[in-house]
N, C-alpha and C. Protein backbone atom coordinates (compact mmCIF):
# COMPACT_ATOMS: atom_id res chain seq x y z
N MET A 1 82.04 84.98 49.09
CA MET A 1 82.14 86.06 49.98
C MET A 1 80.84 87.17 49.24
N SER A 2 80.61 88.15 49.97
CA SER A 2 80.29 89.08 48.59
C SER A 2 80.57 90.09 48.97
N ASN A 3 80.92 90.62 47.73
CA ASN A 3 81.17 91.78 47.54
C ASN A 3 81.31 93.41 48.61
N ALA A 4 80.99 92.89 49.85
CA ALA A 4 80.67 93.83 50.79
C ALA A 4 81.52 94.59 51.75
N HIS A 5 82.80 94.82 50.81
CA HIS A 5 84.48 95.58 51.92
C HIS A 5 83.92 97.04 52.04
N SER A 6 83.12 97.83 51.36
CA SER A 6 83.10 98.84 52.30
C SER A 6 81.37 99.07 52.82
N GLU A 7 80.51 97.55 52.68
CA GLU A 7 78.92 97.61 52.82
C GLU A 7 78.75 97.78 54.39
N PHE A 8 78.64 98.56 55.68
CA PHE A 8 78.63 97.70 56.92
C PHE A 8 77.35 98.07 57.92
N LEU A 9 76.90 97.71 58.66
CA LEU A 9 75.68 97.88 58.46
C LEU A 9 76.30 98.23 60.16
N HIS A 10 74.87 99.72 60.31
CA HIS A 10 75.35 100.49 61.45
C HIS A 10 74.85 100.12 62.47
N SER A 11 73.23 99.48 62.07
CA SER A 11 72.75 98.87 62.85
C SER A 11 73.67 97.54 64.33
N ASN A 12 74.89 97.57 64.16
CA ASN A 12 75.49 96.84 64.40
C ASN A 12 77.44 97.51 64.85
N SER A 13 77.19 98.48 65.62
CA SER A 13 79.12 99.32 64.90
C SER A 13 78.89 100.05 66.47
N SER A 14 80.05 100.40 67.09
CA SER A 14 80.67 101.31 68.07
C SER A 14 80.98 102.29 67.30
N SER A 15 80.95 103.59 68.78
CA SER A 15 81.78 104.24 68.23
C SER A 15 83.01 105.09 68.99
N TYR A 16 83.48 103.17 69.17
CA TYR A 16 84.62 103.23 69.88
C TYR A 16 86.33 103.99 69.20
N SER A 17 86.95 104.60 69.70
CA SER A 17 87.47 105.69 69.59
C SER A 17 89.40 105.56 70.03
N THR A 18 90.19 105.17 69.53
CA THR A 18 91.66 105.31 70.79
C THR A 18 91.56 106.66 71.35
N GLU A 19 92.25 106.43 72.52
CA GLU A 19 91.86 107.52 73.53
C GLU A 19 93.49 108.08 73.41
N THR A 20 93.67 109.45 73.34
CA THR A 20 94.93 110.07 73.49
C THR A 20 95.74 109.45 75.32
N ASN A 21 97.18 109.53 74.37
CA ASN A 21 97.53 109.39 76.33
C ASN A 21 98.16 110.32 76.79
N ASN A 22 96.56 110.82 77.53
CA ASN A 22 97.43 111.55 78.19
C ASN A 22 97.71 113.25 78.06
N CYS A 23 97.81 113.25 76.50
CA CYS A 23 98.13 114.72 76.11
C CYS A 23 96.64 115.19 75.78
N VAL A 24 96.74 116.82 74.98
CA VAL A 24 96.18 117.03 74.27
C VAL A 24 95.76 117.21 72.99
N PRO A 25 95.15 115.96 71.82
CA PRO A 25 95.25 116.64 70.57
C PRO A 25 95.69 118.27 69.65
N ALA A 26 96.39 117.24 68.81
CA ALA A 26 97.81 118.52 68.44
C ALA A 26 96.03 118.92 67.27
N LEU A 27 96.66 120.71 67.26
CA LEU A 27 95.67 121.06 66.00
C LEU A 27 96.44 120.62 64.50
N CYS A 28 95.87 119.51 64.08
CA CYS A 28 96.81 119.30 62.43
C CYS A 28 96.66 120.52 61.73
N SER A 29 96.96 120.40 60.16
CA SER A 29 96.95 121.05 59.08
C SER A 29 95.34 119.70 58.06
N SER A 30 94.89 120.42 57.28
CA SER A 30 93.42 119.28 57.62
C SER A 30 94.15 117.85 57.09
N ASP A 31 94.90 117.66 56.23
CA ASP A 31 95.57 116.55 55.11
C ASP A 31 96.17 115.43 56.96
N GLN A 32 96.53 115.91 57.91
CA GLN A 32 97.12 115.09 58.98
C GLN A 32 96.26 114.80 59.40
N ARG A 33 96.68 113.84 61.11
CA ARG A 33 95.66 113.59 61.38
C ARG A 33 96.64 113.26 62.83
N SER A 34 95.95 113.67 64.06
CA SER A 34 96.83 113.63 65.85
C SER A 34 96.79 112.34 66.02
N SER A 35 97.61 111.87 66.62
CA SER A 35 98.07 110.45 66.75
C SER A 35 97.73 110.36 68.65
N PRO A 36 97.60 109.22 69.48
CA PRO A 36 97.50 109.20 70.17
C PRO A 36 98.24 109.86 71.40
N ASN A 37 99.94 109.93 70.58
CA ASN A 37 100.58 110.89 71.33
C ASN A 37 100.41 112.33 71.61
N CYS A 38 99.73 112.33 70.29
CA CYS A 38 99.18 113.92 70.86
C CYS A 38 100.26 114.77 69.23
N ILE A 39 100.30 113.93 67.96
CA ILE A 39 101.71 114.63 67.09
C ILE A 39 101.24 114.24 65.80
N CYS A 40 100.78 115.58 64.69
CA CYS A 40 100.38 115.62 64.07
C CYS A 40 101.42 114.51 62.39
N ALA A 41 100.62 113.87 61.76
CA ALA A 41 101.70 113.50 60.74
C ALA A 41 100.53 112.64 59.98
N TYR A 42 101.24 111.95 59.19
CA TYR A 42 100.54 111.37 57.87
C TYR A 42 100.56 109.96 58.37
N PRO A 43 99.81 109.61 59.03
CA PRO A 43 99.31 107.87 59.53
C PRO A 43 99.26 106.79 58.01
N TYR A 44 98.98 106.01 58.40
CA TYR A 44 99.35 104.10 57.30
C TYR A 44 98.15 104.07 57.82
N GLN A 45 97.20 104.28 56.18
CA GLN A 45 95.98 103.88 57.80
C GLN A 45 95.04 102.50 56.48
N GLY A 46 94.04 102.19 56.70
CA GLY A 46 93.08 101.53 56.08
C GLY A 46 92.32 100.66 57.22
N HIS A 47 91.83 99.31 57.07
CA HIS A 47 90.32 98.82 57.45
C HIS A 47 91.22 97.17 57.78
N LEU A 48 91.28 96.81 59.46
CA LEU A 48 90.89 95.25 59.64
C LEU A 48 90.13 94.25 59.27
N TYR A 49 89.67 93.31 58.70
CA TYR A 49 88.51 92.93 58.52
C TYR A 49 89.18 91.23 59.16
N PHE A 50 88.01 91.02 60.24
CA PHE A 50 88.83 89.85 61.08
C PHE A 50 87.24 88.99 61.09
N LYS A 51 87.79 88.06 60.86
CA LYS A 51 86.86 86.87 60.01
C LYS A 51 85.78 86.01 60.69
N ALA A 52 86.09 86.44 62.07
CA ALA A 52 85.45 84.60 63.62
C ALA A 52 85.91 86.16 64.91
N PRO A 53 85.76 87.19 65.37
CA PRO A 53 85.91 87.51 66.17
C PRO A 53 85.28 86.76 67.18
N SER A 54 85.71 86.47 68.51
CA SER A 54 84.71 85.11 69.29
C SER A 54 84.19 86.41 69.97
N PHE A 55 83.33 87.51 69.89
CA PHE A 55 82.61 88.23 70.90
C PHE A 55 82.05 89.50 69.98
N SER A 56 80.52 89.69 70.76
CA SER A 56 79.55 90.29 69.38
C SER A 56 79.32 91.81 70.03
N ASN A 57 79.86 91.66 71.52
CA ASN A 57 79.56 93.81 71.98
C ASN A 57 80.72 94.28 71.37
N LEU A 58 80.62 94.58 70.71
CA LEU A 58 81.25 95.73 70.04
C LEU A 58 81.65 97.13 70.71
N GLU A 59 80.82 97.50 72.22
CA GLU A 59 80.96 98.32 72.82
C GLU A 59 82.25 97.93 73.37
N ASP A 60 82.07 97.39 74.01
CA ASP A 60 83.30 97.15 74.70
C ASP A 60 84.78 97.37 74.91
N PRO A 61 85.43 98.02 75.36
CA PRO A 61 86.82 98.03 75.01
C PRO A 61 87.75 98.11 75.17
N SER A 62 87.63 96.99 75.56
CA SER A 62 89.16 96.47 76.43
C SER A 62 88.93 95.22 74.90
N PHE A 63 88.40 94.98 74.68
CA PHE A 63 89.26 94.60 73.16
C PHE A 63 89.87 95.23 72.17
N TYR A 64 89.37 95.90 72.41
CA TYR A 64 90.39 96.99 71.38
C TYR A 64 91.78 97.90 71.61
N THR A 65 91.43 97.90 73.10
CA THR A 65 92.73 98.60 73.70
C THR A 65 93.81 97.18 74.15
N SER A 66 93.59 96.56 73.73
CA SER A 66 94.63 94.46 73.69
C SER A 66 94.76 94.49 72.14
N LEU A 67 94.15 94.70 71.20
CA LEU A 67 94.61 94.81 69.94
C LEU A 67 96.11 95.71 70.39
N GLN A 68 95.49 96.93 70.28
CA GLN A 68 95.93 98.47 70.23
C GLN A 68 97.65 97.83 71.12
N SER A 69 97.25 97.30 71.87
CA SER A 69 98.64 97.15 73.02
C SER A 69 99.55 95.83 72.58
N SER A 70 99.03 94.56 72.27
CA SER A 70 98.95 94.23 70.92
C SER A 70 100.13 94.10 69.69
N MET A 71 99.20 95.10 69.12
CA MET A 71 100.30 95.42 67.91
C MET A 71 101.06 96.33 68.45
N MET A 72 101.09 96.92 69.28
CA MET A 72 102.44 98.33 69.67
C MET A 72 103.95 97.13 70.38
N SER A 73 103.44 96.31 70.88
CA SER A 73 104.20 95.50 71.33
C SER A 73 104.92 94.82 70.25
N PHE A 74 103.96 94.50 68.86
CA PHE A 74 104.56 93.94 68.23
C PHE A 74 105.64 94.33 67.72
N PHE A 75 105.36 95.85 67.02
CA PHE A 75 105.91 96.95 66.50
C PHE A 75 107.56 97.15 67.35
N GLN A 76 106.97 97.27 68.12
CA GLN A 76 108.23 97.53 69.20
C GLN A 76 109.38 96.64 68.96
N SER A 77 108.49 94.86 69.09
CA SER A 77 109.52 94.30 69.12
C SER A 77 110.73 93.83 67.89
N THR A 78 109.88 94.09 67.04
CA THR A 78 110.39 93.73 65.32
C THR A 78 111.46 95.53 65.08
N ARG A 79 111.20 96.22 65.54
CA ARG A 79 111.65 97.13 65.75
C ARG A 79 111.06 98.85 64.48
N LEU A 80 110.02 98.16 64.18
CA LEU A 80 109.10 98.86 63.27
C LEU A 80 109.30 100.52 63.18
N PRO A 81 109.37 101.23 62.50
CA PRO A 81 109.36 102.79 62.73
C PRO A 81 107.36 103.36 63.37
N VAL A 82 107.73 102.84 64.70
CA VAL A 82 106.02 103.05 64.83
C VAL A 82 105.80 103.46 66.23
N ASP A 83 105.57 105.07 66.06
CA ASP A 83 105.19 105.42 67.34
C ASP A 83 103.88 105.06 67.62
N SER A 84 102.34 105.03 67.70
CA SER A 84 101.58 105.12 68.12
C SER A 84 100.48 104.59 67.13
N VAL A 85 99.33 104.25 67.86
CA VAL A 85 98.35 102.64 66.61
C VAL A 85 97.02 103.31 67.45
N SER A 86 96.49 103.75 66.16
CA SER A 86 94.67 103.99 66.41
C SER A 86 93.94 103.17 65.85
N LEU A 87 92.51 102.79 66.84
CA LEU A 87 91.83 101.81 66.09
C LEU A 87 90.38 102.32 66.46
N SER A 88 89.71 102.29 65.19
CA SER A 88 88.29 103.70 65.82
C SER A 88 87.33 102.43 65.01
N ASP A 89 86.11 103.26 64.88
CA ASP A 89 84.79 102.79 64.08
C ASP A 89 84.53 101.36 63.95
N PRO A 90 85.04 100.32 64.89
CA PRO A 90 84.22 98.97 64.65
C PRO A 90 82.85 98.88 64.53
N THR A 91 82.66 97.89 63.48
CA THR A 91 81.30 97.74 62.97
C THR A 91 81.45 96.26 62.81
N LYS A 92 80.49 95.86 61.94
CA LYS A 92 80.26 94.82 61.31
C LYS A 92 79.63 95.03 60.04
N ASN A 93 80.52 94.10 58.50
CA ASN A 93 79.57 94.51 57.29
C ASN A 93 79.06 93.12 56.66
N LEU A 94 78.11 93.47 55.99
CA LEU A 94 77.41 92.59 55.46
C LEU A 94 78.08 90.60 55.71
N ASP A 95 79.34 90.32 55.32
CA ASP A 95 79.31 89.24 55.69
C ASP A 95 79.73 89.11 57.03
N ASP A 96 79.53 89.58 57.87
CA ASP A 96 80.18 89.69 59.68
C ASP A 96 80.86 89.12 60.13
N TYR A 97 81.72 89.99 58.81
CA TYR A 97 83.45 90.50 60.02
C TYR A 97 83.84 91.29 60.38
N LEU A 98 84.16 91.43 61.85
CA LEU A 98 84.44 92.81 62.39
C LEU A 98 85.10 93.81 61.32
N VAL A 99 85.13 94.95 61.60
CA VAL A 99 86.22 95.78 59.96
C VAL A 99 86.84 96.79 61.61
N ILE A 100 87.79 97.42 61.21
CA ILE A 100 88.32 98.60 62.67
C ILE A 100 89.62 99.46 62.06
N THR A 101 88.50 100.57 62.02
CA THR A 101 89.60 101.55 60.63
C THR A 101 91.14 100.75 61.61
N LEU A 102 92.36 101.42 60.51
CA LEU A 102 93.58 100.72 62.00
C LEU A 102 94.51 103.13 61.21
N GLU A 103 94.62 103.29 61.97
CA GLU A 103 95.50 104.26 61.27
C GLU A 103 96.96 103.74 62.26
N VAL A 104 98.27 103.83 61.78
CA VAL A 104 99.76 103.88 62.35
C VAL A 104 100.68 104.60 62.01
N PHE A 105 100.88 105.37 63.12
CA PHE A 105 101.84 106.84 62.91
C PHE A 105 103.22 106.69 63.60
N PRO A 106 103.71 107.11 62.20
CA PRO A 106 105.09 107.11 62.09
C PRO A 106 106.08 107.69 63.34
N LEU A 107 107.20 106.98 63.44
CA LEU A 107 107.53 107.36 64.88
C LEU A 107 109.16 108.48 64.24
N GLY A 108 108.73 109.80 65.28
CA GLY A 108 109.93 110.37 64.86
C GLY A 108 109.64 111.33 64.01
N LYS A 109 108.68 111.41 62.80
CA LYS A 109 108.66 111.51 61.49
C LYS A 109 107.31 112.68 61.70
N ASP A 110 106.83 113.31 60.29
CA ASP A 110 105.64 113.10 60.04
C ASP A 110 105.11 112.52 58.85
N ARG A 111 105.73 111.75 58.15
CA ARG A 111 105.17 110.56 57.46
C ARG A 111 106.44 109.67 57.60
N PHE A 112 105.89 108.48 56.51
CA PHE A 112 106.61 107.10 56.93
C PHE A 112 107.18 106.73 55.29
N ASN A 113 108.65 106.21 55.01
CA ASN A 113 109.71 106.47 54.10
C ASN A 113 108.94 104.80 53.06
N ARG A 114 108.82 105.11 52.33
CA ARG A 114 109.09 103.54 51.43
C ARG A 114 109.04 102.78 52.18
N THR A 115 109.92 102.30 52.73
CA THR A 115 110.77 101.01 53.41
C THR A 115 110.37 100.79 54.80
N GLY A 116 109.33 101.76 55.46
CA GLY A 116 108.39 101.64 56.49
C GLY A 116 107.10 101.37 55.97
N ILE A 117 106.35 102.12 54.91
CA ILE A 117 105.47 101.34 54.40
C ILE A 117 105.34 100.00 53.93
N SER A 118 106.08 99.96 53.60
CA SER A 118 106.56 98.34 52.53
C SER A 118 107.16 96.96 54.21
N SER A 119 107.73 97.68 55.11
CA SER A 119 107.32 97.03 56.11
C SER A 119 106.19 96.85 56.79
N LEU A 120 105.17 97.71 56.91
CA LEU A 120 104.23 97.49 57.39
C LEU A 120 103.35 96.93 56.57
N GLY A 121 103.71 96.84 55.13
CA GLY A 121 102.34 96.42 54.20
C GLY A 121 102.61 94.49 54.77
N PHE A 122 104.31 94.37 54.27
CA PHE A 122 104.62 92.83 54.88
C PHE A 122 103.74 92.73 55.80
N VAL A 123 104.12 93.09 57.01
CA VAL A 123 103.42 92.73 58.08
C VAL A 123 102.11 92.15 58.06
N PHE A 124 101.38 93.33 57.85
CA PHE A 124 99.96 92.87 57.63
C PHE A 124 99.30 91.08 56.05
N SER A 125 99.85 91.99 55.20
CA SER A 125 99.77 91.10 53.92
C SER A 125 100.81 89.26 54.24
N ASN A 126 101.35 89.17 55.33
CA ASN A 126 102.41 87.95 55.42
C ASN A 126 101.60 88.00 56.97
N GLN A 127 100.73 88.68 57.18
CA GLN A 127 100.20 88.21 59.10
C GLN A 127 101.75 88.07 60.21
N THR A 128 102.29 88.85 59.79
CA THR A 128 103.61 88.34 60.52
C THR A 128 103.15 88.30 62.34
N PHE A 129 102.01 90.23 62.18
CA PHE A 129 101.73 89.98 63.23
C PHE A 129 100.69 89.24 63.37
N LYS A 130 100.17 88.45 64.82
CA LYS A 130 99.02 87.14 64.93
C LYS A 130 98.69 87.84 66.16
N PRO A 131 97.31 89.00 65.80
CA PRO A 131 96.81 88.84 67.15
C PRO A 131 96.37 87.47 67.84
N ASN A 132 95.47 87.68 69.58
CA ASN A 132 95.12 86.49 69.65
C ASN A 132 93.78 86.34 68.23
N LYS A 133 94.80 85.12 68.28
CA LYS A 133 93.12 84.35 67.36
C LYS A 133 91.70 83.60 67.89
N THR A 134 92.69 83.33 69.27
CA THR A 134 90.58 83.20 69.81
C THR A 134 90.41 83.45 70.42
N VAL A 135 90.23 85.08 69.56
CA VAL A 135 89.54 86.37 70.08
C VAL A 135 89.20 87.01 68.84
N TYR A 136 90.07 86.89 68.54
CA TYR A 136 89.75 87.51 66.84
C TYR A 136 89.33 87.04 65.51
N GLY A 137 89.90 85.68 65.70
CA GLY A 137 89.81 85.06 64.19
C GLY A 137 90.83 85.03 63.49
N THR A 138 90.74 84.37 62.13
CA THR A 138 91.94 85.06 60.99
C THR A 138 91.32 86.64 60.72
N TYR A 139 92.50 86.87 59.38
CA TYR A 139 92.03 88.87 59.68
C TYR A 139 92.75 88.90 58.49
N TYR A 140 92.41 90.02 57.63
CA TYR A 140 92.87 90.89 56.29
C TYR A 140 93.32 91.83 56.99
N PHE A 141 94.16 92.67 56.26
CA PHE A 141 93.97 93.93 56.01
C PHE A 141 94.06 94.79 54.88
N ASN A 142 93.42 95.51 54.56
CA ASN A 142 92.82 96.05 53.12
C ASN A 142 93.43 97.95 53.42
N ALA A 143 94.79 98.08 53.32
CA ALA A 143 94.88 99.58 52.97
C ALA A 143 95.11 100.18 52.18
N ASP A 144 94.99 102.29 52.58
CA ASP A 144 94.67 102.68 51.83
C ASP A 144 95.86 103.43 51.38
N ASN A 145 95.40 103.64 50.13
CA ASN A 145 96.61 103.84 49.11
C ASN A 145 97.40 105.26 50.04
N TYR A 146 98.61 105.04 49.82
CA TYR A 146 100.10 105.73 51.24
C TYR A 146 100.85 107.13 50.12
N GLY A 147 100.37 108.02 49.64
CA GLY A 147 101.03 109.15 48.45
C GLY A 147 101.85 109.78 49.40
N MET A 148 102.32 110.07 50.84
CA MET A 148 102.86 111.00 51.50
C MET A 148 104.03 110.43 51.79
N PHE A 149 104.80 110.41 50.98
CA PHE A 149 106.25 109.32 50.96
C PHE A 149 107.36 110.92 51.54
N THR A 150 108.26 110.32 52.66
CA THR A 150 109.21 111.66 52.43
C THR A 150 110.51 110.61 51.18
N SER A 151 111.39 112.20 50.82
CA SER A 151 112.28 111.80 49.90
C SER A 151 112.93 110.52 50.24
N GLY A 152 114.03 109.95 50.00
CA GLY A 152 114.62 108.89 49.72
C GLY A 152 114.45 107.66 50.48
N LYS A 153 114.92 106.73 51.16
CA LYS A 153 114.68 105.11 51.21
C LYS A 153 113.69 104.97 51.79
């Protein structure tokens, strides 16, 4: 495996981005993001790397809406404090992995606490969340540093 996690082939990418849920995107401060539910927050974010997706057409939004829906169903069924999920900028890296930017927005607050971040990290590092393996293949998640904790647990 090459050391190409952040090097993307721009010739094979899509401008896909999760749409809002019938709301007007919020005008947020420069360090916050507007969620699909149009709420300003500090999302937990990073990149999902899918090693062997069964599709090559990165322009087909059904692959991303399906992934987003299964992720939200998982978060709701496990009672994780997630309001919404945004996927964007699917591309292929030099290893031919599908790379998707992921933002996970907190439920009822503008940021996650340490317990919420730990729980999300656990879900992805232990692959408790299992997308359709036939469609997406195996995956791993490379999270960005999250420094926006609330006080308390």
